[in-house]
Amino acid sequence: MKKQCNLCGLREDIVELIRQKKTWCLVFGKEVDNKSIDCEHWHPDGSSIRNQKHQIAAEIKRDLKDKMEPEWNDVEILLEPVQQELLITIVESARNTPIDSRQKFIIAQSFDGDTLIYPTIPKEKAQIYFGDVEALAHESLLSLGYSSQGTPNFDVTPLGFKYYEYLKKKLGEPVERVVKTVRTYLDSNNFIKVYPVTYEKWCSAEDLLWKTDSKQQLTLIGHLCRESIQEFANYLVCIHNPSNVPPDKSKTVARLKAVIGTRVEFLGDSKKAFLDALISYWGTVIDLIQRQEHDSQKEGQPLVWEDARAVVFQTLIVMFEVDRNL
C-alpha cells in the first residue's frame, strides 16, 4: 500500500482544501497535496486510527518538539535590545498591512534625525536611528537598498520574519506569559483527553499564525478556530447533558447557555455573574471568528495578521475560562 495522504488516517479533509486537491495534515499542522507520499508518520486510514487521530497526531507532535534542537543560538545573530525592538515594530507593521497594499519601508533622513515611513508604523515609534536598520540588514534580517535619489528603503526578509517569531517567544512579554500559562493548561493530558479535536484544531490555527499571513491562510485560521470552538461546545454538551439544547453545532452561544444552566444551582452569585459575562465574551469571539473566516466581507475591511492573532488568542482564552469555571 502506498503511503500517501489520501490513504493516511492523520488528516482532516476540509472542503476548501479538497477543492484544491489538498488536505490538512494533523501532524505538521499545514495543508499538503492530497497524494503526497512516503511520510514517516503515515498511519493507515482505518476506523481505529480515525477514532484516535487527534490524540495520535498530538503525541507525534510532542515527540518531534522534544527532539528538536533550538532553532537559534544567541551568538549567531548579535543585536542590541533596541534593535530587537525595532525589528518587532517593523515586522508587525508589515503584517498589519493588507498584502496588496504593502510597499517598501522608507527612511527619511534630516538634521533632526531619522524617521521611518510606512502606513502602519505607530507614530511614537517612527523616530529611529539609521544605524540600527543597517545592523538588522547586516544580519540579513532586512534587505536594504537605496532609491535613485539615495533614500534608504528596505523589506523584511524571510529570515527576518523567522527571527521575529523567535524573539517574541524568547522575550516573554507579560501578555505572552499569560498565553504560555493558558497554553500549558491546554497542553495538559487532561485537556487533550477530554477535548482532543478542539485541541488539534486550535493548535493547527496557532501553527498557521506564525507561518504565514497570506489571505488564504488568514481565512483558514478563522475556519479552524470556528471548528475548534464548536467542538469544544459539543463536548460540554455531551459532558453536562443539558435539556432543550439546540442540536445544531453552530449554535454555540445557545448551547453554552444551556450547559451553564445545569450548573447555576451549584454556583455563588459572583461566579454566576462571571459566567454570564463569559457568555457575552463567547459571543463576541464568535463574531471575530466569523469575520476572520469570511474575510471580513460585510465590513469591507481586508484581513491583516493582527486580526488572526486576536482570533487565535481570544479563542484560547475563552475556552480556558469556560473550562476552568464550569
C-alpha atoms as a PDB file:
ATOM      1  CA  MET A   1       0.000   0.000   0.000  1.00  0.00           C
ATOM      2  CA  LYS A   2       1.302   3.446  -0.935  1.00  0.00           C
ATOM      3  CA  LYS A   3       1.944   5.759   1.998  1.00  0.00           C
ATOM      4  CA  GLN A   4       0.138   8.813   0.634  1.00  0.00           C
ATOM      5  CA  CYS A   5      -2.004  11.488   2.260  1.00  0.00           C
ATOM      6  CA  ASN A   6      -5.389  10.402   0.955  1.00  0.00           C
ATOM      7  CA  LEU A   7      -4.717   6.973   2.483  1.00  0.00           C
ATOM      8  CA  CYS A   8      -3.473   8.340   5.800  1.00  0.00           C
ATOM      9  CA  GLY A   9      -5.631   8.494   8.905  1.00  0.00           C
ATOM     10  CA  LEU A  10      -3.864  11.579  10.303  1.00  0.00           C
ATOM     11  CA  ARG A  11      -5.507  14.129   8.022  1.00  0.00           C
ATOM     12  CA  GLU A  12      -8.517  16.465   8.060  1.00  0.00           C
ATOM     13  CA  ASP A  13     -10.428  16.830   4.800  1.00  0.00           C
ATOM     14  CA  ILE A  14     -11.524  20.484   4.763  1.00  0.00           C
ATOM     15  CA  VAL A  15     -13.902  21.432   1.942  1.00  0.00           C
ATOM     16  CA  GLU A  16     -11.870  24.482   0.899  1.00  0.00           C
ATOM     17  CA  LEU A  17      -8.753  22.337   0.555  1.00  0.00           C
ATOM     18  CA  ILE A  18     -10.417  19.396  -1.180  1.00  0.00           C
ATOM     19  CA  ARG A  19     -11.402  21.760  -3.990  1.00  0.00           C
ATOM     20  CA  GLN A  20      -7.698  22.463  -4.470  1.00  0.00           C
ATOM     21  CA  LYS A  21      -6.805  18.746  -4.305  1.00  0.00           C
ATOM     22  CA  LYS A  22      -5.191  19.279  -0.921  1.00  0.00           C
ATOM     23  CA  THR A  23      -5.804  18.118   2.646  1.00  0.00           C
ATOM     24  CA  TRP A  24      -4.856  19.213   6.167  1.00  0.00           C
ATOM     25  CA  CYS A  25      -2.014  17.299   7.831  1.00  0.00           C
ATOM     26  CA  LEU A  26      -2.684  16.908  11.555  1.00  0.00           C
ATOM     27  CA  VAL A  27       0.946  16.114  12.315  1.00  0.00           C
ATOM     28  CA  PHE A  28       2.541  19.134  10.678  1.00  0.00           C
ATOM     29  CA  GLY A  29      -0.443  21.464  11.018  1.00  0.00           C
ATOM     30  CA  LYS A  30      -0.467  22.616   7.417  1.00  0.00           C
ATOM     31  CA  GLU A  31      -2.088  21.992   4.046  1.00  0.00           C
ATOM     32  CA  VAL A  32      -0.410  19.409   1.809  1.00  0.00           C
ATOM     33  CA  ASP A  33      -1.025  17.839  -1.593  1.00  0.00           C
ATOM     34  CA  ASN A  34      -3.627  15.137  -1.092  1.00  0.00           C
ATOM     35  CA  LYS A  35      -1.421  12.496  -2.717  1.00  0.00           C
ATOM     36  CA  SER A  36       1.931  13.301  -1.106  1.00  0.00           C
ATOM     37  CA  ILE A  37       3.743  10.040  -0.410  1.00  0.00           C
ATOM     38  CA  ASP A  38       6.320   8.401   1.856  1.00  0.00           C
ATOM     39  CA  CYS A  39       5.730  10.334   5.092  1.00  0.00           C
ATOM     40  CA  GLU A  40       7.425   8.598   8.025  1.00  0.00           C
ATOM     41  CA  HIS A  41       4.442   9.455  10.255  1.00  0.00           C
ATOM     42  CA  TRP A  42       1.873   7.856   7.948  1.00  0.00           C
ATOM     43  CA  HIS A  43      -0.858   5.781   9.601  1.00  0.00           C
ATOM     44  CA  PRO A  44      -3.318   3.597   7.631  1.00  0.00           C
ATOM     45  CA  ASP A  45      -6.716   5.214   7.109  1.00  0.00           C
ATOM     46  CA  GLY A  46      -8.760   2.758   9.131  1.00  0.00           C
ATOM     47  CA  SER A  47     -11.557   3.329  11.633  1.00  0.00           C
ATOM     48  CA  SER A  48      -9.314   2.501  14.611  1.00  0.00           C
ATOM     49  CA  ILE A  49      -6.855   5.205  13.523  1.00  0.00           C
ATOM     50  CA  ARG A  50      -9.503   7.788  12.606  1.00  0.00           C
ATOM     51  CA  ASN A  51     -11.157   7.476  16.009  1.00  0.00           C
ATOM     52  CA  GLN A  52      -7.894   8.445  17.699  1.00  0.00           C
ATOM     53  CA  LYS A  53      -6.256  10.545  15.001  1.00  0.00           C
ATOM     54  CA  HIS A  54      -6.091  13.753  17.042  1.00  0.00           C
ATOM     55  CA  GLN A  55      -4.501  12.034  20.038  1.00  0.00           C
ATOM     56  CA  ILE A  56      -2.023  10.174  17.779  1.00  0.00           C
ATOM     57  CA  ALA A  57      -1.080  13.356  15.914  1.00  0.00           C
ATOM     58  CA  ALA A  58      -0.674  15.266  19.199  1.00  0.00           C
ATOM     59  CA  GLU A  59       1.672  12.584  20.556  1.00  0.00           C
ATOM     60  CA  ILE A  60       3.779  12.649  17.374  1.00  0.00           C
ATOM     61  CA  LYS A  61       3.975  16.448  17.519  1.00  0.00           C
ATOM     62  CA  ARG A  62       5.088  16.373  21.155  1.00  0.00           C
ATOM     63  CA  ASP A  63       7.774  13.807  20.330  1.00  0.00           C
ATOM     64  CA  LEU A  64       9.000  15.912  17.416  1.00  0.00           C
ATOM     65  CA  LYS A  65       9.050  19.026  19.593  1.00  0.00           C
ATOM     66  CA  ASP A  66      11.084  17.240  22.267  1.00  0.00           C
ATOM     67  CA  LYS A  67      13.625  16.077  19.680  1.00  0.00           C
ATOM     68  CA  MET A  68      14.018  19.453  18.003  1.00  0.00           C
ATOM     69  CA  GLU A  69      17.130  21.418  18.823  1.00  0.00           C
ATOM     70  CA  PRO A  70      16.792  25.180  19.384  1.00  0.00           C
ATOM     71  CA  GLU A  71      16.490  26.965  16.056  1.00  0.00           C
ATOM     72  CA  TRP A  72      18.725  29.818  17.119  1.00  0.00           C
ATOM     73  CA  ASN A  73      21.892  30.339  19.036  1.00  0.00           C
ATOM     74  CA  ASP A  74      22.140  33.783  20.632  1.00  0.00           C
ATOM     75  CA  VAL A  75      25.682  34.046  19.290  1.00  0.00           C
ATOM     76  CA  GLU A  76      24.539  33.562  15.685  1.00  0.00           C
ATOM     77  CA  ILE A  77      22.694  36.900  15.493  1.00  0.00           C
ATOM     78  CA  LEU A  78      24.024  39.704  17.657  1.00  0.00           C
ATOM     79  CA  LEU A  79      21.569  42.552  18.236  1.00  0.00           C
ATOM     80  CA  GLU A  80      21.153  45.173  20.911  1.00  0.00           C
ATOM     81  CA  PRO A  81      17.758  45.276  22.678  1.00  0.00           C
ATOM     82  CA  VAL A  82      16.764  48.449  20.828  1.00  0.00           C
ATOM     83  CA  GLN A  83      17.497  46.697  17.519  1.00  0.00           C
ATOM     84  CA  GLN A  84      15.376  43.715  18.512  1.00  0.00           C
ATOM     85  CA  GLU A  85      12.518  46.056  19.399  1.00  0.00           C
ATOM     86  CA  LEU A  86      12.904  47.830  16.052  1.00  0.00           C
ATOM     87  CA  LEU A  87      12.671  44.529  14.159  1.00  0.00           C
ATOM     88  CA  ILE A  88       9.500  43.620  16.073  1.00  0.00           C
ATOM     89  CA  THR A  89       7.951  47.005  15.216  1.00  0.00           C
ATOM     90  CA  ILE A  90       8.860  46.613  11.546  1.00  0.00           C
ATOM     91  CA  VAL A  91       7.552  43.058  11.191  1.00  0.00           C
ATOM     92  CA  GLU A  92       4.277  43.789  12.991  1.00  0.00           C
ATOM     93  CA  SER A  93       3.751  46.884  10.844  1.00  0.00           C
ATOM     94  CA  ALA A  94       4.286  44.803   7.693  1.00  0.00           C
ATOM     95  CA  ARG A  95       1.913  42.079   8.877  1.00  0.00           C
ATOM     96  CA  ASN A  96      -0.760  44.598   9.796  1.00  0.00           C
ATOM     97  CA  THR A  97      -0.853  45.980   6.264  1.00  0.00           C
ATOM     98  CA  PRO A  98      -3.049  44.198   3.667  1.00  0.00           C
ATOM     99  CA  ILE A  99      -0.834  42.234   1.297  1.00  0.00           C
ATOM    100  CA  ASP A 100      -1.958  44.140  -1.801  1.00  0.00           C
ATOM    101  CA  SER A 101      -1.130  47.451  -0.062  1.00  0.00           C
ATOM    102  CA  ARG A 102       2.384  46.604   1.084  1.00  0.00           C
ATOM    103  CA  GLN A 103       5.362  48.644  -0.009  1.00  0.00           C
ATOM    104  CA  LYS A 104       8.961  49.143   0.969  1.00  0.00           C
ATOM    105  CA  PHE A 105       9.765  50.856   4.242  1.00  0.00           C
ATOM    106  CA  ILE A 106      11.351  54.266   3.642  1.00  0.00           C
ATOM    107  CA  ILE A 107      13.749  56.163   5.890  1.00  0.00           C
ATOM    108  CA  ALA A 108      13.630  59.955   5.735  1.00  0.00           C
ATOM    109  CA  GLN A 109      16.925  61.441   6.920  1.00  0.00           C
ATOM    110  CA  SER A 110      17.372  65.027   8.086  1.00  0.00           C
ATOM    111  CA  PHE A 111      19.312  67.103  10.610  1.00  0.00           C
ATOM    112  CA  ASP A 112      16.505  66.347  13.078  1.00  0.00           C
ATOM    113  CA  GLY A 113      17.102  62.596  12.875  1.00  0.00           C
ATOM    114  CA  ASP A 114      15.881  59.534  11.013  1.00  0.00           C
ATOM    115  CA  THR A 115      12.169  58.828  10.511  1.00  0.00           C
ATOM    116  CA  LEU A 116      10.693  55.501   9.464  1.00  0.00           C
ATOM    117  CA  ILE A 117       7.880  55.936   6.943  1.00  0.00           C
ATOM    118  CA  TYR A 118       5.256  53.206   6.487  1.00  0.00           C
ATOM    119  CA  PRO A 119       1.440  53.311   6.595  1.00  0.00           C
ATOM    120  CA  THR A 120       1.060  51.245   9.782  1.00  0.00           C
ATOM    121  CA  ILE A 121       4.096  52.382  11.784  1.00  0.00           C
ATOM    122  CA  PRO A 122       2.906  53.786  15.162  1.00  0.00           C
ATOM    123  CA  LYS A 123       3.771  57.489  15.356  1.00  0.00           C
ATOM    124  CA  GLU A 124       5.541  57.049  18.690  1.00  0.00           C
ATOM    125  CA  LYS A 125       7.890  54.504  17.088  1.00  0.00           C
ATOM    126  CA  ALA A 126       8.649  56.326  13.838  1.00  0.00           C
ATOM    127  CA  GLN A 127      11.786  58.088  15.116  1.00  0.00           C
ATOM    128  CA  ILE A 128      14.695  55.667  14.768  1.00  0.00           C
ATOM    129  CA  TYR A 129      18.459  55.515  14.316  1.00  0.00           C
ATOM    130  CA  PHE A 130      19.507  54.501  10.799  1.00  0.00           C
ATOM    131  CA  GLY A 131      22.479  52.596  12.190  1.00  0.00           C
ATOM    132  CA  ASP A 132      20.042  50.137  13.807  1.00  0.00           C
ATOM    133  CA  VAL A 133      18.493  49.446  10.397  1.00  0.00           C
ATOM    134  CA  GLU A 134      21.968  48.833   8.987  1.00  0.00           C
ATOM    135  CA  ALA A 135      22.660  46.391  11.832  1.00  0.00           C
ATOM    136  CA  LEU A 136      19.483  44.451  11.004  1.00  0.00           C
ATOM    137  CA  ALA A 137      20.409  44.414   7.331  1.00  0.00           C
ATOM    138  CA  HIS A 138      23.931  43.217   8.188  1.00  0.00           C
ATOM    139  CA  GLU A 139      22.350  40.177   9.872  1.00  0.00           C
ATOM    140  CA  SER A 140      20.245  39.579   6.710  1.00  0.00           C
ATOM    141  CA  LEU A 141      17.007  40.330   8.577  1.00  0.00           C
ATOM    142  CA  LEU A 142      16.251  43.242   6.233  1.00  0.00           C
ATOM    143  CA  SER A 143      17.072  43.753   2.554  1.00  0.00           C
ATOM    144  CA  LEU A 144      18.382  47.319   2.439  1.00  0.00           C
ATOM    145  CA  GLY A 145      18.553  49.353  -0.739  1.00  0.00           C
ATOM    146  CA  TYR A 146      18.502  52.951  -1.959  1.00  0.00           C
ATOM    147  CA  SER A 147      16.307  54.872  -4.388  1.00  0.00           C
ATOM    148  CA  SER A 148      17.725  56.774  -7.352  1.00  0.00           C
ATOM    149  CA  GLN A 149      17.763  59.851  -5.092  1.00  0.00           C
ATOM    150  CA  GLY A 150      19.723  57.983  -2.423  1.00  0.00           C
ATOM    151  CA  THR A 151      16.807  57.493   0.013  1.00  0.00           C
ATOM    152  CA  PRO A 152      17.202  54.296   2.069  1.00  0.00           C
ATOM    153  CA  ASN A 153      14.436  51.701   1.784  1.00  0.00           C
ATOM    154  CA  PHE A 154      14.032  48.083   2.796  1.00  0.00           C
ATOM    155  CA  ASP A 155      11.840  45.000   3.067  1.00  0.00           C
ATOM    156  CA  VAL A 156      11.777  42.276   5.724  1.00  0.00           C
ATOM    157  CA  THR A 157      13.490  39.070   4.583  1.00  0.00           C
ATOM    158  CA  PRO A 158      12.124  35.560   5.283  1.00  0.00           C
ATOM    159  CA  LEU A 159      14.899  35.232   7.876  1.00  0.00           C
ATOM    160  CA  GLY A 160      13.648  38.455   9.473  1.00  0.00           C
ATOM    161  CA  PHE A 161      10.138  37.052   9.872  1.00  0.00           C
ATOM    162  CA  LYS A 162      11.523  33.836  11.319  1.00  0.00           C
ATOM    163  CA  TYR A 163      13.778  35.643  13.788  1.00  0.00           C
ATOM    164  CA  TYR A 164      10.825  37.813  14.834  1.00  0.00           C
ATOM    165  CA  GLU A 165       8.963  34.639  15.837  1.00  0.00           C
ATOM    166  CA  TYR A 166      11.963  33.545  17.881  1.00  0.00           C
ATOM    167  CA  LEU A 167      12.212  36.931  19.619  1.00  0.00           C
ATOM    168  CA  LYS A 168       8.528  37.003  20.546  1.00  0.00           C
ATOM    169  CA  LYS A 169       8.864  33.638  22.238  1.00  0.00           C
ATOM    170  CA  LYS A 170      12.203  34.450  23.865  1.00  0.00           C
ATOM    171  CA  LEU A 171      11.406  37.914  25.216  1.00  0.00           C
ATOM    172  CA  GLY A 172       8.398  36.631  27.162  1.00  0.00           C
ATOM    173  CA  GLU A 173       6.327  39.812  27.402  1.00  0.00           C
ATOM    174  CA  PRO A 174       3.689  39.878  30.203  1.00  0.00           C
ATOM    175  CA  VAL A 175       0.800  39.079  27.829  1.00  0.00           C
ATOM    176  CA  GLU A 176       2.812  36.233  26.341  1.00  0.00           C
ATOM    177  CA  ARG A 177       3.436  34.805  29.803  1.00  0.00           C
ATOM    178  CA  VAL A 178      -0.341  34.704  30.283  1.00  0.00           C
ATOM    179  CA  VAL A 179      -0.689  32.914  26.948  1.00  0.00           C
ATOM    180  CA  LYS A 180       2.037  30.479  27.968  1.00  0.00           C
ATOM    181  CA  THR A 181       0.196  29.677  31.203  1.00  0.00           C
ATOM    182  CA  VAL A 182      -3.055  29.058  29.347  1.00  0.00           C
ATOM    183  CA  ARG A 183      -1.270  27.097  26.616  1.00  0.00           C
ATOM    184  CA  THR A 184       0.340  24.872  29.246  1.00  0.00           C
ATOM    185  CA  TYR A 185      -3.148  24.161  30.578  1.00  0.00           C
ATOM    186  CA  LEU A 186      -4.360  23.222  27.096  1.00  0.00           C
ATOM    187  CA  ASP A 187      -1.284  21.060  26.508  1.00  0.00           C
ATOM    188  CA  SER A 188      -2.022  19.027  29.634  1.00  0.00           C
ATOM    189  CA  ASN A 189      -3.046  15.422  29.140  1.00  0.00           C
ATOM    190  CA  ASN A 190      -6.386  16.053  30.887  1.00  0.00           C
ATOM    191  CA  PHE A 191      -7.473  18.710  28.387  1.00  0.00           C
ATOM    192  CA  ILE A 192      -6.250  16.718  25.377  1.00  0.00           C
ATOM    193  CA  LYS A 193      -8.112  13.606  26.531  1.00  0.00           C
ATOM    194  CA  VAL A 194     -11.389  15.461  27.131  1.00  0.00           C
ATOM    195  CA  TYR A 195     -11.238  17.783  24.103  1.00  0.00           C
ATOM    196  CA  PRO A 196      -8.955  16.076  21.523  1.00  0.00           C
ATOM    197  CA  VAL A 197     -10.494  17.591  18.367  1.00  0.00           C
ATOM    198  CA  THR A 198     -10.768  21.043  19.973  1.00  0.00           C
ATOM    199  CA  TYR A 199      -7.096  20.894  20.918  1.00  0.00           C
ATOM    200  CA  GLU A 200      -5.903  19.777  17.488  1.00  0.00           C
ATOM    201  CA  LYS A 201      -7.949  22.374  15.578  1.00  0.00           C
ATOM    202  CA  TRP A 202      -6.721  25.213  17.780  1.00  0.00           C
ATOM    203  CA  CYS A 203      -3.084  24.047  17.561  1.00  0.00           C
ATOM    204  CA  SER A 204      -3.340  23.958  13.773  1.00  0.00           C
ATOM    205  CA  ALA A 205      -4.646  27.537  13.773  1.00  0.00           C
ATOM    206  CA  GLU A 206      -1.823  28.671  16.032  1.00  0.00           C
ATOM    207  CA  ASP A 207       0.775  26.968  13.830  1.00  0.00           C
ATOM    208  CA  LEU A 208      -0.563  28.842  10.806  1.00  0.00           C
ATOM    209  CA  LEU A 209      -0.468  32.142  12.680  1.00  0.00           C
ATOM    210  CA  TRP A 210       3.325  32.103  12.873  1.00  0.00           C
ATOM    211  CA  LYS A 211       3.989  30.590   9.474  1.00  0.00           C
ATOM    212  CA  THR A 212       2.210  32.934   7.093  1.00  0.00           C
ATOM    213  CA  ASP A 213      -0.047  35.912   6.592  1.00  0.00           C
ATOM    214  CA  SER A 214      -1.430  35.112   3.144  1.00  0.00           C
ATOM    215  CA  LYS A 215      -5.130  35.843   2.587  1.00  0.00           C
ATOM    216  CA  GLN A 216      -5.951  32.159   2.142  1.00  0.00           C
ATOM    217  CA  GLN A 217      -4.200  31.174   5.353  1.00  0.00           C
ATOM    218  CA  LEU A 218      -5.761  34.007   7.340  1.00  0.00           C
ATOM    219  CA  THR A 219      -9.268  32.795   6.440  1.00  0.00           C
ATOM    220  CA  LEU A 220      -8.260  29.183   7.142  1.00  0.00           C
ATOM    221  CA  ILE A 221      -7.236  30.261  10.660  1.00  0.00           C
ATOM    222  CA  GLY A 222     -10.795  31.517  11.158  1.00  0.00           C
ATOM    223  CA  HIS A 223     -12.189  28.229   9.839  1.00  0.00           C
ATOM    224  CA  LEU A 224     -10.050  26.180  12.233  1.00  0.00           C
ATOM    225  CA  CYS A 225     -10.946  28.358  15.242  1.00  0.00           C
ATOM    226  CA  ARG A 226     -14.644  28.044  14.396  1.00  0.00           C
ATOM    227  CA  GLU A 227     -14.378  24.263  14.249  1.00  0.00           C
ATOM    228  CA  SER A 228     -12.335  24.232  17.462  1.00  0.00           C
ATOM    229  CA  ILE A 229     -14.844  26.249  19.474  1.00  0.00           C
ATOM    230  CA  GLN A 230     -17.800  24.311  18.038  1.00  0.00           C
ATOM    231  CA  GLU A 231     -16.206  21.008  19.047  1.00  0.00           C
ATOM    232  CA  PHE A 232     -15.465  22.444  22.497  1.00  0.00           C
ATOM    233  CA  ALA A 233     -19.125  23.391  22.973  1.00  0.00           C
ATOM    234  CA  ASN A 234     -20.183  19.986  21.685  1.00  0.00           C
ATOM    235  CA  TYR A 235     -18.008  18.213  24.250  1.00  0.00           C
ATOM    236  CA  LEU A 236     -19.502  20.388  27.009  1.00  0.00           C
ATOM    237  CA  VAL A 237     -22.993  19.380  25.902  1.00  0.00           C
ATOM    238  CA  CYS A 238     -22.005  15.698  25.978  1.00  0.00           C
ATOM    239  CA  ILE A 239     -20.447  16.048  29.440  1.00  0.00           C
ATOM    240  CA  HIS A 240     -23.213  18.092  31.144  1.00  0.00           C
ATOM    241  CA  ASN A 241     -26.187  16.768  29.120  1.00  0.00           C
ATOM    242  CA  PRO A 242     -28.441  19.866  29.403  1.00  0.00           C
ATOM    243  CA  SER A 243     -32.116  19.716  28.392  1.00  0.00           C
ATOM    244  CA  ASN A 244     -33.549  21.627  25.414  1.00  0.00           C
ATOM    245  CA  VAL A 245     -30.120  22.142  23.867  1.00  0.00           C
ATOM    246  CA  PRO A 246     -30.018  23.048  20.141  1.00  0.00           C
ATOM    247  CA  PRO A 247     -28.656  20.077  18.144  1.00  0.00           C
ATOM    248  CA  ASP A 248     -27.028  22.404  15.580  1.00  0.00           C
ATOM    249  CA  LYS A 249     -23.298  22.647  16.383  1.00  0.00           C
ATOM    250  CA  SER A 250     -23.142  26.181  15.012  1.00  0.00           C
ATOM    251  CA  LYS A 251     -25.489  27.468  17.755  1.00  0.00           C
ATOM    252  CA  THR A 252     -22.624  27.661  20.216  1.00  0.00           C
ATOM    253  CA  VAL A 253     -23.936  30.575  22.308  1.00  0.00           C
ATOM    254  CA  ALA A 254     -27.271  28.862  22.948  1.00  0.00           C
ATOM    255  CA  ARG A 255     -25.504  25.567  23.643  1.00  0.00           C
ATOM    256  CA  LEU A 256     -23.146  27.228  26.143  1.00  0.00           C
ATOM    257  CA  LYS A 257     -26.109  28.892  27.901  1.00  0.00           C
ATOM    258  CA  ALA A 258     -27.775  25.507  28.213  1.00  0.00           C
ATOM    259  CA  VAL A 259     -24.628  23.975  29.699  1.00  0.00           C
ATOM    260  CA  ILE A 260     -24.183  26.819  32.205  1.00  0.00           C
ATOM    261  CA  GLY A 261     -27.837  26.422  33.151  1.00  0.00           C
ATOM    262  CA  THR A 262     -27.073  22.954  34.510  1.00  0.00           C
ATOM    263  CA  ARG A 263     -24.531  24.443  36.921  1.00  0.00           C
ATOM    264  CA  VAL A 264     -26.381  27.521  38.222  1.00  0.00           C
ATOM    265  CA  GLU A 265     -27.675  25.935  41.452  1.00  0.00           C
ATOM    266  CA  PHE A 266     -24.121  24.969  42.454  1.00  0.00           C
ATOM    267  CA  LEU A 267     -22.613  28.432  41.930  1.00  0.00           C
ATOM    268  CA  GLY A 268     -22.372  31.553  44.054  1.00  0.00           C
ATOM    269  CA  ASP A 269     -23.630  34.949  42.872  1.00  0.00           C
ATOM    270  CA  SER A 270     -20.204  36.222  41.804  1.00  0.00           C
ATOM    271  CA  LYS A 271     -19.469  33.050  39.803  1.00  0.00           C
ATOM    272  CA  LYS A 272     -22.903  33.263  38.152  1.00  0.00           C
ATOM    273  CA  ALA A 273     -22.228  36.867  37.144  1.00  0.00           C
ATOM    274  CA  PHE A 274     -18.823  35.884  35.772  1.00  0.00           C
ATOM    275  CA  LEU A 275     -20.277  33.046  33.694  1.00  0.00           C
ATOM    276  CA  ASP A 276     -22.964  35.396  32.341  1.00  0.00           C
ATOM    277  CA  ALA A 277     -20.182  37.742  31.263  1.00  0.00           C
ATOM    278  CA  LEU A 278     -18.374  34.786  29.679  1.00  0.00           C
ATOM    279  CA  ILE A 279     -21.429  34.091  27.523  1.00  0.00           C
ATOM    280  CA  SER A 280     -21.251  37.651  26.151  1.00  0.00           C
ATOM    281  CA  TYR A 281     -17.495  37.309  25.695  1.00  0.00           C
ATOM    282  CA  TRP A 282     -18.014  33.983  23.897  1.00  0.00           C
ATOM    283  CA  GLY A 283     -20.500  35.612  21.510  1.00  0.00           C
ATOM    284  CA  THR A 284     -18.051  38.402  20.700  1.00  0.00           C
ATOM    285  CA  VAL A 285     -15.295  35.877  19.981  1.00  0.00           C
ATOM    286  CA  ILE A 286     -17.673  34.020  17.635  1.00  0.00           C
ATOM    287  CA  ASP A 287     -18.255  37.300  15.772  1.00  0.00           C
ATOM    288  CA  LEU A 288     -14.485  37.756  15.433  1.00  0.00           C
ATOM    289  CA  ILE A 289     -14.093  34.208  14.140  1.00  0.00           C
ATOM    290  CA  GLN A 290     -16.851  34.636  11.548  1.00  0.00           C
ATOM    291  CA  ARG A 291     -15.279  37.870  10.324  1.00  0.00           C
ATOM    292  CA  GLN A 292     -11.945  36.077  10.023  1.00  0.00           C
ATOM    293  CA  GLU A 293     -13.317  33.044   8.188  1.00  0.00           C
ATOM    294  CA  HIS A 294     -15.324  35.083   5.697  1.00  0.00           C
ATOM    295  CA  ASP A 295     -12.565  37.617   5.026  1.00  0.00           C
ATOM    296  CA  SER A 296     -14.482  40.486   6.707  1.00  0.00           C
ATOM    297  CA  GLN A 297     -16.627  40.855   3.565  1.00  0.00           C
ATOM    298  CA  LYS A 298     -19.516  42.531   5.383  1.00  0.00           C
ATOM    299  CA  GLU A 299     -17.301  45.204   6.937  1.00  0.00           C
ATOM    300  CA  GLY A 300     -15.372  45.947   3.760  1.00  0.00           C
ATOM    301  CA  GLN A 301     -12.032  45.873   5.558  1.00  0.00           C
ATOM    302  CA  PRO A 302      -9.264  43.492   4.442  1.00  0.00           C
ATOM    303  CA  LEU A 303      -7.889  41.000   6.934  1.00  0.00           C
ATOM    304  CA  VAL A 304      -4.412  41.511   8.344  1.00  0.00           C
ATOM    305  CA  TRP A 305      -2.219  39.401  10.605  1.00  0.00           C
ATOM    306  CA  GLU A 306      -3.350  41.239  13.764  1.00  0.00           C
ATOM    307  CA  ASP A 307      -6.918  40.076  13.103  1.00  0.00           C
ATOM    308  CA  ALA A 308      -5.754  36.455  13.015  1.00  0.00           C
ATOM    309  CA  ARG A 309      -3.696  36.903  16.179  1.00  0.00           C
ATOM    310  CA  ALA A 310      -6.738  38.258  18.026  1.00  0.00           C
ATOM    311  CA  VAL A 311      -8.930  35.366  16.875  1.00  0.00           C
ATOM    312  CA  VAL A 312      -6.419  32.673  17.889  1.00  0.00           C
ATOM    313  CA  PHE A 313      -5.653  34.326  21.248  1.00  0.00           C
ATOM    314  CA  GLN A 314      -9.264  35.066  22.216  1.00  0.00           C
ATOM    315  CA  THR A 315     -10.450  31.587  21.198  1.00  0.00           C
ATOM    316  CA  LEU A 316      -7.810  30.144  23.513  1.00  0.00           C
ATOM    317  CA  ILE A 317      -8.715  32.408  26.445  1.00  0.00           C
ATOM    318  CA  VAL A 318     -12.483  31.952  26.268  1.00  0.00           C
ATOM    319  CA  MET A 319     -12.212  28.148  26.166  1.00  0.00           C
ATOM    320  CA  PHE A 320      -9.751  28.232  29.053  1.00  0.00           C
ATOM    321  CA  GLU A 321     -12.054  30.360  31.234  1.00  0.00           C
ATOM    322  CA  VAL A 322     -15.165  28.330  30.466  1.00  0.00           C
ATOM    323  CA  ASP A 323     -13.445  25.013  31.181  1.00  0.00           C
ATOM    324  CA  ARG A 324     -11.938  26.262  34.434  1.00  0.00           C
ATOM    325  CA  ASN A 325     -15.176  27.748  35.776  1.00  0.00           C
ATOM    326  CA  LEU A 326     -17.747  25.076  34.987  1.00  0.00           C
END
